[in-house]
PDB file of N, CA and C in Angstrom:
ATOM      1  N   MET A   1       0.823  -1.194   0.000  1.00  0.00           N
ATOM      2  CA  MET A   1       0.000   0.000   0.000  1.00  0.00           C
ATOM      3  C   MET A   1       0.872   1.264   0.000  1.00  0.00           C
ATOM      4  N   TRP A   2       2.043   1.195   0.621  1.00  0.00           N
ATOM      5  CA  TRP A   2       2.910   2.364   0.705  1.00  0.00           C
ATOM      6  C   TRP A   2       3.319   2.862  -0.667  1.00  0.00           C
ATOM      7  N   LEU A   3       3.585   1.945  -1.611  1.00  0.00           N
ATOM      8  CA  LEU A   3       3.998   2.353  -2.957  1.00  0.00           C
ATOM      9  C   LEU A   3       2.898   3.140  -3.653  1.00  0.00           C
ATOM     10  N   ILE A   4       1.650   2.785  -3.392  1.00  0.00           N
ATOM     11  CA  ILE A   4       0.531   3.504  -4.000  1.00  0.00           C
ATOM     12  C   ILE A   4       0.497   4.940  -3.487  1.00  0.00           C
ATOM     13  N   LEU A   5       0.770   5.118  -2.210  1.00  0.00           N
ATOM     14  CA  LEU A   5       0.716   6.454  -1.619  1.00  0.00           C
ATOM     15  C   LEU A   5       1.818   7.356  -2.150  1.00  0.00           C
ATOM     16  N   LYS A   6       2.947   6.775  -2.544  1.00  0.00           N
ATOM     17  CA  LYS A   6       4.069   7.572  -3.029  1.00  0.00           C
ATOM     18  C   LYS A   6       3.989   7.863  -4.526  1.00  0.00           C
ATOM     19  N   THR A   7       3.056   7.250  -5.216  1.00  0.00           N
ATOM     20  CA  THR A   7       2.948   7.396  -6.663  1.00  0.00           C
ATOM     21  C   THR A   7       2.350   8.751  -7.023  1.00  0.00           C
ATOM     22  N   PRO A   8       2.951   9.493  -7.945  1.00  0.00           N
ATOM     23  CA  PRO A   8       2.341  10.749  -8.395  1.00  0.00           C
ATOM     24  C   PRO A   8       1.125  10.449  -9.276  1.00  0.00           C
ATOM     25  N   TYR A   9       0.097  11.192  -9.102  1.00  0.00           N
ATOM     26  CA  TYR A   9      -1.136  10.978  -9.859  1.00  0.00           C
ATOM     27  C   TYR A   9      -1.227  12.012 -10.974  1.00  0.00           C
ATOM     28  N   PRO A  10      -1.108  11.582 -12.234  1.00  0.00           N
ATOM     29  CA  PRO A  10      -1.133  12.518 -13.366  1.00  0.00           C
ATOM     30  C   PRO A  10      -2.417  13.341 -13.438  1.00  0.00           C
ATOM     31  N   VAL A  11      -3.538  12.795 -12.962  1.00  0.00           N
ATOM     32  CA  VAL A  11      -4.798  13.542 -13.054  1.00  0.00           C
ATOM     33  C   VAL A  11      -4.778  14.793 -12.190  1.00  0.00           C
ATOM     34  N   LEU A  12      -3.843  14.871 -11.241  1.00  0.00           N
ATOM     35  CA  LEU A  12      -3.740  16.058 -10.391  1.00  0.00           C
ATOM     36  C   LEU A  12      -2.692  17.039 -10.898  1.00  0.00           C
ATOM     37  N   GLN A  13      -2.043  16.704 -12.006  1.00  0.00           N
ATOM     38  CA  GLN A  13      -0.955  17.539 -12.500  1.00  0.00           C
ATOM     39  C   GLN A  13      -1.237  18.137 -13.872  1.00  0.00           C
ATOM     40  N   HIS A  14      -2.485  18.136 -14.300  1.00  0.00           N
ATOM     41  CA  HIS A  14      -2.818  18.732 -15.598  1.00  0.00           C
ATOM     42  C   HIS A  14      -2.772  20.255 -15.482  1.00  0.00           C
ATOM     43  N   ASN A  15      -1.936  20.877 -16.273  1.00  0.00           N
ATOM     44  CA  ASN A  15      -1.769  22.332 -16.207  1.00  0.00           C
ATOM     45  C   ASN A  15      -2.976  23.090 -16.735  1.00  0.00           C
ATOM     46  N   ASN A  16      -3.747  22.475 -17.640  1.00  0.00           N
ATOM     47  CA  ASN A  16      -4.872  23.186 -18.241  1.00  0.00           C
ATOM     48  C   ASN A  16      -6.181  22.990 -17.475  1.00  0.00           C
ATOM     49  N   ALA A  17      -6.166  22.262 -16.367  1.00  0.00           N
ATOM     50  CA  ALA A  17      -7.376  22.051 -15.576  1.00  0.00           C
ATOM     51  C   ALA A  17      -7.546  23.189 -14.572  1.00  0.00           C
ATOM     52  N   LYS A  18      -8.799  23.543 -14.332  1.00  0.00           N
ATOM     53  CA  LYS A  18      -9.086  24.591 -13.353  1.00  0.00           C
ATOM     54  C   LYS A  18      -8.822  24.071 -11.945  1.00  0.00           C
ATOM     55  N   LYS A  19      -8.572  25.001 -11.033  1.00  0.00           N
ATOM     56  CA  LYS A  19      -8.274  24.643  -9.649  1.00  0.00           C
ATOM     57  C   LYS A  19      -9.432  23.865  -9.025  1.00  0.00           C
ATOM     58  N   GLU A  20     -10.662  24.267  -9.329  1.00  0.00           N
ATOM     59  CA  GLU A  20     -11.838  23.589  -8.783  1.00  0.00           C
ATOM     60  C   GLU A  20     -11.916  22.141  -9.279  1.00  0.00           C
ATOM     61  N   GLU A  21     -11.570  21.946 -10.554  1.00  0.00           N
ATOM     62  CA  GLU A  21     -11.596  20.603 -11.134  1.00  0.00           C
ATOM     63  C   GLU A  21     -10.526  19.715 -10.491  1.00  0.00           C
ATOM     64  N   LEU A  22      -9.349  20.270 -10.274  1.00  0.00           N
ATOM     65  CA  LEU A  22      -8.289  19.508  -9.614  1.00  0.00           C
ATOM     66  C   LEU A  22      -8.690  19.135  -8.189  1.00  0.00           C
ATOM     67  N   HIS A  23      -9.382  20.044  -7.519  1.00  0.00           N
ATOM     68  CA  HIS A  23      -9.853  19.772  -6.161  1.00  0.00           C
ATOM     69  C   HIS A  23     -10.856  18.618  -6.168  1.00  0.00           C
ATOM     70  N   LEU A  24     -11.782  18.620  -7.132  1.00  0.00           N
ATOM     71  CA  LEU A  24     -12.759  17.529  -7.235  1.00  0.00           C
ATOM     72  C   LEU A  24     -12.074  16.198  -7.553  1.00  0.00           C
ATOM     73  N   ARG A  25     -11.062  16.239  -8.394  1.00  0.00           N
ATOM     74  CA  ARG A  25     -10.311  15.016  -8.711  1.00  0.00           C
ATOM     75  C   ARG A  25      -9.619  14.478  -7.457  1.00  0.00           C
ATOM     76  N   ALA A  26      -9.037  15.379  -6.679  1.00  0.00           N
ATOM     77  CA  ALA A  26      -8.360  14.966  -5.447  1.00  0.00           C
ATOM     78  C   ALA A  26      -9.357  14.353  -4.468  1.00  0.00           C
ATOM     79  N   GLU A  27     -10.536  14.945  -4.365  1.00  0.00           N
ATOM     80  CA  GLU A  27     -11.576  14.390  -3.495  1.00  0.00           C
ATOM     81  C   GLU A  27     -11.977  12.992  -3.961  1.00  0.00           C
ATOM     82  N   GLY A  28     -12.088  12.807  -5.280  1.00  0.00           N
ATOM     83  CA  GLY A  28     -12.423  11.495  -5.833  1.00  0.00           C
ATOM     84  C   GLY A  28     -11.363  10.457  -5.509  1.00  0.00           C
ATOM     85  N   LEU A  29     -10.093  10.846  -5.630  1.00  0.00           N
ATOM     86  CA  LEU A  29      -9.006   9.927  -5.283  1.00  0.00           C
ATOM     87  C   LEU A  29      -9.032   9.577  -3.798  1.00  0.00           C
ATOM     88  N   LYS A  30      -9.374  10.552  -2.978  1.00  0.00           N
ATOM     89  CA  LYS A  30      -9.457  10.307  -1.538  1.00  0.00           C
ATOM     90  C   LYS A  30     -10.560   9.295  -1.236  1.00  0.00           C
ATOM     91  N   ILE A  31     -11.710   9.452  -1.880  1.00  0.00           N
ATOM     92  CA  ILE A  31     -12.823   8.517  -1.681  1.00  0.00           C
ATOM     93  C   ILE A  31     -12.433   7.114  -2.139  1.00  0.00           C
ATOM     94  N   LEU A  32     -11.796   7.022  -3.311  1.00  0.00           N
ATOM     95  CA  LEU A  32     -11.342   5.713  -3.794  1.00  0.00           C
ATOM     96  C   LEU A  32     -10.349   5.084  -2.819  1.00  0.00           C
ATOM     97  N   GLY A  33      -9.453   5.886  -2.283  1.00  0.00           N
ATOM     98  CA  GLY A  33      -8.485   5.385  -1.308  1.00  0.00           C
ATOM     99  C   GLY A  33      -9.160   4.833  -0.068  1.00  0.00           C
ATOM    100  N   GLU A  34     -10.199   5.520   0.409  1.00  0.00           N
ATOM    101  CA  GLU A  34     -10.934   5.048   1.583  1.00  0.00           C
ATOM    102  C   GLU A  34     -11.635   3.726   1.289  1.00  0.00           C
ATOM    103  N   ILE A  35     -12.195   3.596   0.077  1.00  0.00           N
ATOM    104  CA  ILE A  35     -12.862   2.349  -0.311  1.00  0.00           C
ATOM    105  C   ILE A  35     -11.857   1.204  -0.342  1.00  0.00           C
ATOM    106  N   PHE A  36     -10.707   1.425  -0.991  1.00  0.00           N
ATOM    107  CA  PHE A  36      -9.692   0.377  -1.070  1.00  0.00           C
ATOM    108  C   PHE A  36      -9.138   0.032   0.307  1.00  0.00           C
ATOM    109  N   GLN A  37      -8.943   1.033   1.145  1.00  0.00           N
ATOM    110  CA  GLN A  37      -8.422   0.777   2.482  1.00  0.00           C
ATOM    111  C   GLN A  37      -9.398  -0.084   3.271  1.00  0.00           C
ATOM    112  N   GLU A  38     -10.683   0.225   3.182  1.00  0.00           N
ATOM    113  CA  GLU A  38     -11.704  -0.560   3.871  1.00  0.00           C
ATOM    114  C   GLU A  38     -11.702  -2.004   3.360  1.00  0.00           C
ATOM    115  N   PHE A  39     -11.588  -2.173   2.040  1.00  0.00           N
ATOM    116  CA  PHE A  39     -11.562  -3.508   1.451  1.00  0.00           C
ATOM    117  C   PHE A  39     -10.362  -4.305   1.955  1.00  0.00           C
ATOM    118  N   PHE A  40      -9.179  -3.686   1.963  1.00  0.00           N
ATOM    119  CA  PHE A  40      -7.978  -4.396   2.393  1.00  0.00           C
ATOM    120  C   PHE A  40      -8.024  -4.724   3.879  1.00  0.00           C
ATOM    121  N   LEU A  41      -8.629  -3.863   4.686  1.00  0.00           N
ATOM    122  CA  LEU A  41      -8.772  -4.172   6.108  1.00  0.00           C
ATOM    123  C   LEU A  41      -9.696  -5.362   6.303  1.00  0.00           C
ATOM    124  N   GLU A  42     -10.780  -5.438   5.509  1.00  0.00           N
ATOM    125  CA  GLU A  42     -11.672  -6.594   5.574  1.00  0.00           C
ATOM    126  C   GLU A  42     -10.932  -7.851   5.151  1.00  0.00           C
ATOM    127  N   CYS A  43     -10.112  -7.757   4.119  1.00  0.00           N
ATOM    128  CA  CYS A  43      -9.351  -8.918   3.639  1.00  0.00           C
ATOM    129  C   CYS A  43      -8.391  -9.421   4.705  1.00  0.00           C
ATOM    130  N   GLU A  44      -7.808  -8.522   5.469  1.00  0.00           N
ATOM    131  CA  GLU A  44      -6.895  -8.940   6.530  1.00  0.00           C
ATOM    132  C   GLU A  44      -7.591  -9.858   7.512  1.00  0.00           C
ATOM    133  N   TRP A  45      -8.836  -9.555   7.822  1.00  0.00           N
ATOM    134  CA  TRP A  45      -9.583 -10.368   8.769  1.00  0.00           C
ATOM    135  C   TRP A  45     -10.015 -11.692   8.155  1.00  0.00           C
ATOM    136  N   GLU A  46     -10.239 -11.722   6.851  1.00  0.00           N
ATOM    137  CA  GLU A  46     -10.766 -12.908   6.190  1.00  0.00           C
ATOM    138  C   GLU A  46      -9.688 -13.767   5.555  1.00  0.00           C
ATOM    139  N   CYS A  47      -8.454 -13.323   5.555  1.00  0.00           N
ATOM    140  CA  CYS A  47      -7.374 -14.075   4.915  1.00  0.00           C
ATOM    141  C   CYS A  47      -6.755 -15.051   5.910  1.00  0.00           C
ATOM    142  N   SER A  48      -6.318 -16.173   5.395  1.00  0.00           N
ATOM    143  CA  SER A  48      -5.583 -17.121   6.231  1.00  0.00           C
ATOM    144  C   SER A  48      -4.246 -17.402   5.564  1.00  0.00           C
ATOM    145  N   THR A  49      -3.259 -17.741   6.356  1.00  0.00           N
ATOM    146  CA  THR A  49      -1.929 -18.009   5.826  1.00  0.00           C
ATOM    147  C   THR A  49      -1.840 -19.472   5.410  1.00  0.00           C
ATOM    148  N   THR A  50      -1.373 -19.710   4.194  1.00  0.00           N
ATOM    149  CA  THR A  50      -1.193 -21.080   3.715  1.00  0.00           C
ATOM    150  C   THR A  50       0.171 -21.590   4.151  1.00  0.00           C
ATOM    151  N   SER A  51       0.472 -22.837   3.857  1.00  0.00           N
ATOM    152  CA  SER A  51       1.753 -23.425   4.259  1.00  0.00           C
ATOM    153  C   SER A  51       2.936 -22.746   3.569  1.00  0.00           C
ATOM    154  N   LEU A  52       2.681 -22.069   2.438  1.00  0.00           N
ATOM    155  CA  LEU A  52       3.754 -21.379   1.721  1.00  0.00           C
ATOM    156  C   LEU A  52       3.989 -19.971   2.254  1.00  0.00           C
ATOM    157  N   GLY A  53       3.149 -19.546   3.196  1.00  0.00           N
ATOM    158  CA  GLY A  53       3.301 -18.217   3.757  1.00  0.00           C
ATOM    159  C   GLY A  53       2.633 -17.136   2.927  1.00  0.00           C
ATOM    160  N   THR A  54       1.809 -17.526   1.977  1.00  0.00           N
ATOM    161  CA  THR A  54       1.095 -16.548   1.163  1.00  0.00           C
ATOM    162  C   THR A  54      -0.321 -16.408   1.681  1.00  0.00           C
ATOM    163  N   LYS A  55      -0.930 -15.297   1.362  1.00  0.00           N
ATOM    164  CA  LYS A  55      -2.294 -15.049   1.807  1.00  0.00           C
ATOM    165  C   LYS A  55      -3.283 -15.679   0.839  1.00  0.00           C
ATOM    166  N   LYS A  56      -4.322 -16.284   1.390  1.00  0.00           N
ATOM    167  CA  LYS A  56      -5.371 -16.883   0.578  1.00  0.00           C
ATOM    168  C   LYS A  56      -6.700 -16.344   1.081  1.00  0.00           C
ATOM    169  N   LEU A  57      -7.482 -15.779   0.200  1.00  0.00           N
ATOM    170  CA  LEU A  57      -8.754 -15.178   0.571  1.00  0.00           C
ATOM    171  C   LEU A  57      -9.808 -16.259   0.687  1.00  0.00           C
ATOM    172  N   ARG A  58     -10.519 -16.261   1.810  1.00  0.00           N
ATOM    173  CA  ARG A  58     -11.614 -17.200   1.999  1.00  0.00           C
ATOM    174  C   ARG A  58     -12.902 -16.520   1.603  1.00  0.00           C
ATOM    175  N   LYS A  59     -13.799 -17.263   0.979  1.00  0.00           N
ATOM    176  CA  LYS A  59     -15.105 -16.713   0.630  1.00  0.00           C
ATOM    177  C   LYS A  59     -15.949 -16.639   1.893  1.00  0.00           C
ATOM    178  N   SER A  60     -16.595 -15.522   2.097  1.00  0.00           N
ATOM    179  CA  SER A  60     -17.499 -15.379   3.240  1.00  0.00           C
ATOM    180  C   SER A  60     -18.899 -15.191   2.694  1.00  0.00           C
ATOM    181  N   ASP A  61     -19.691 -16.233   2.781  1.00  0.00           N
ATOM    182  CA  ASP A  61     -21.068 -16.190   2.255  1.00  0.00           C
ATOM    183  C   ASP A  61     -22.055 -15.838   3.330  1.00  0.00           C
TER     184      ASP A  61
END
């Protein structure tokens, strides 16, 4: 997850976009980040470690 946070986002660096538009784009990225963070936190609780030490997602019905 850390690598994602350090990545520059081209949609926030368009020189021809208005300041208001860039602000809305940043808000959208923030919302997407919150959604992904929530998903990964849920996966942490639902994942089990296999014998190889890798994570395996269990289906929760």
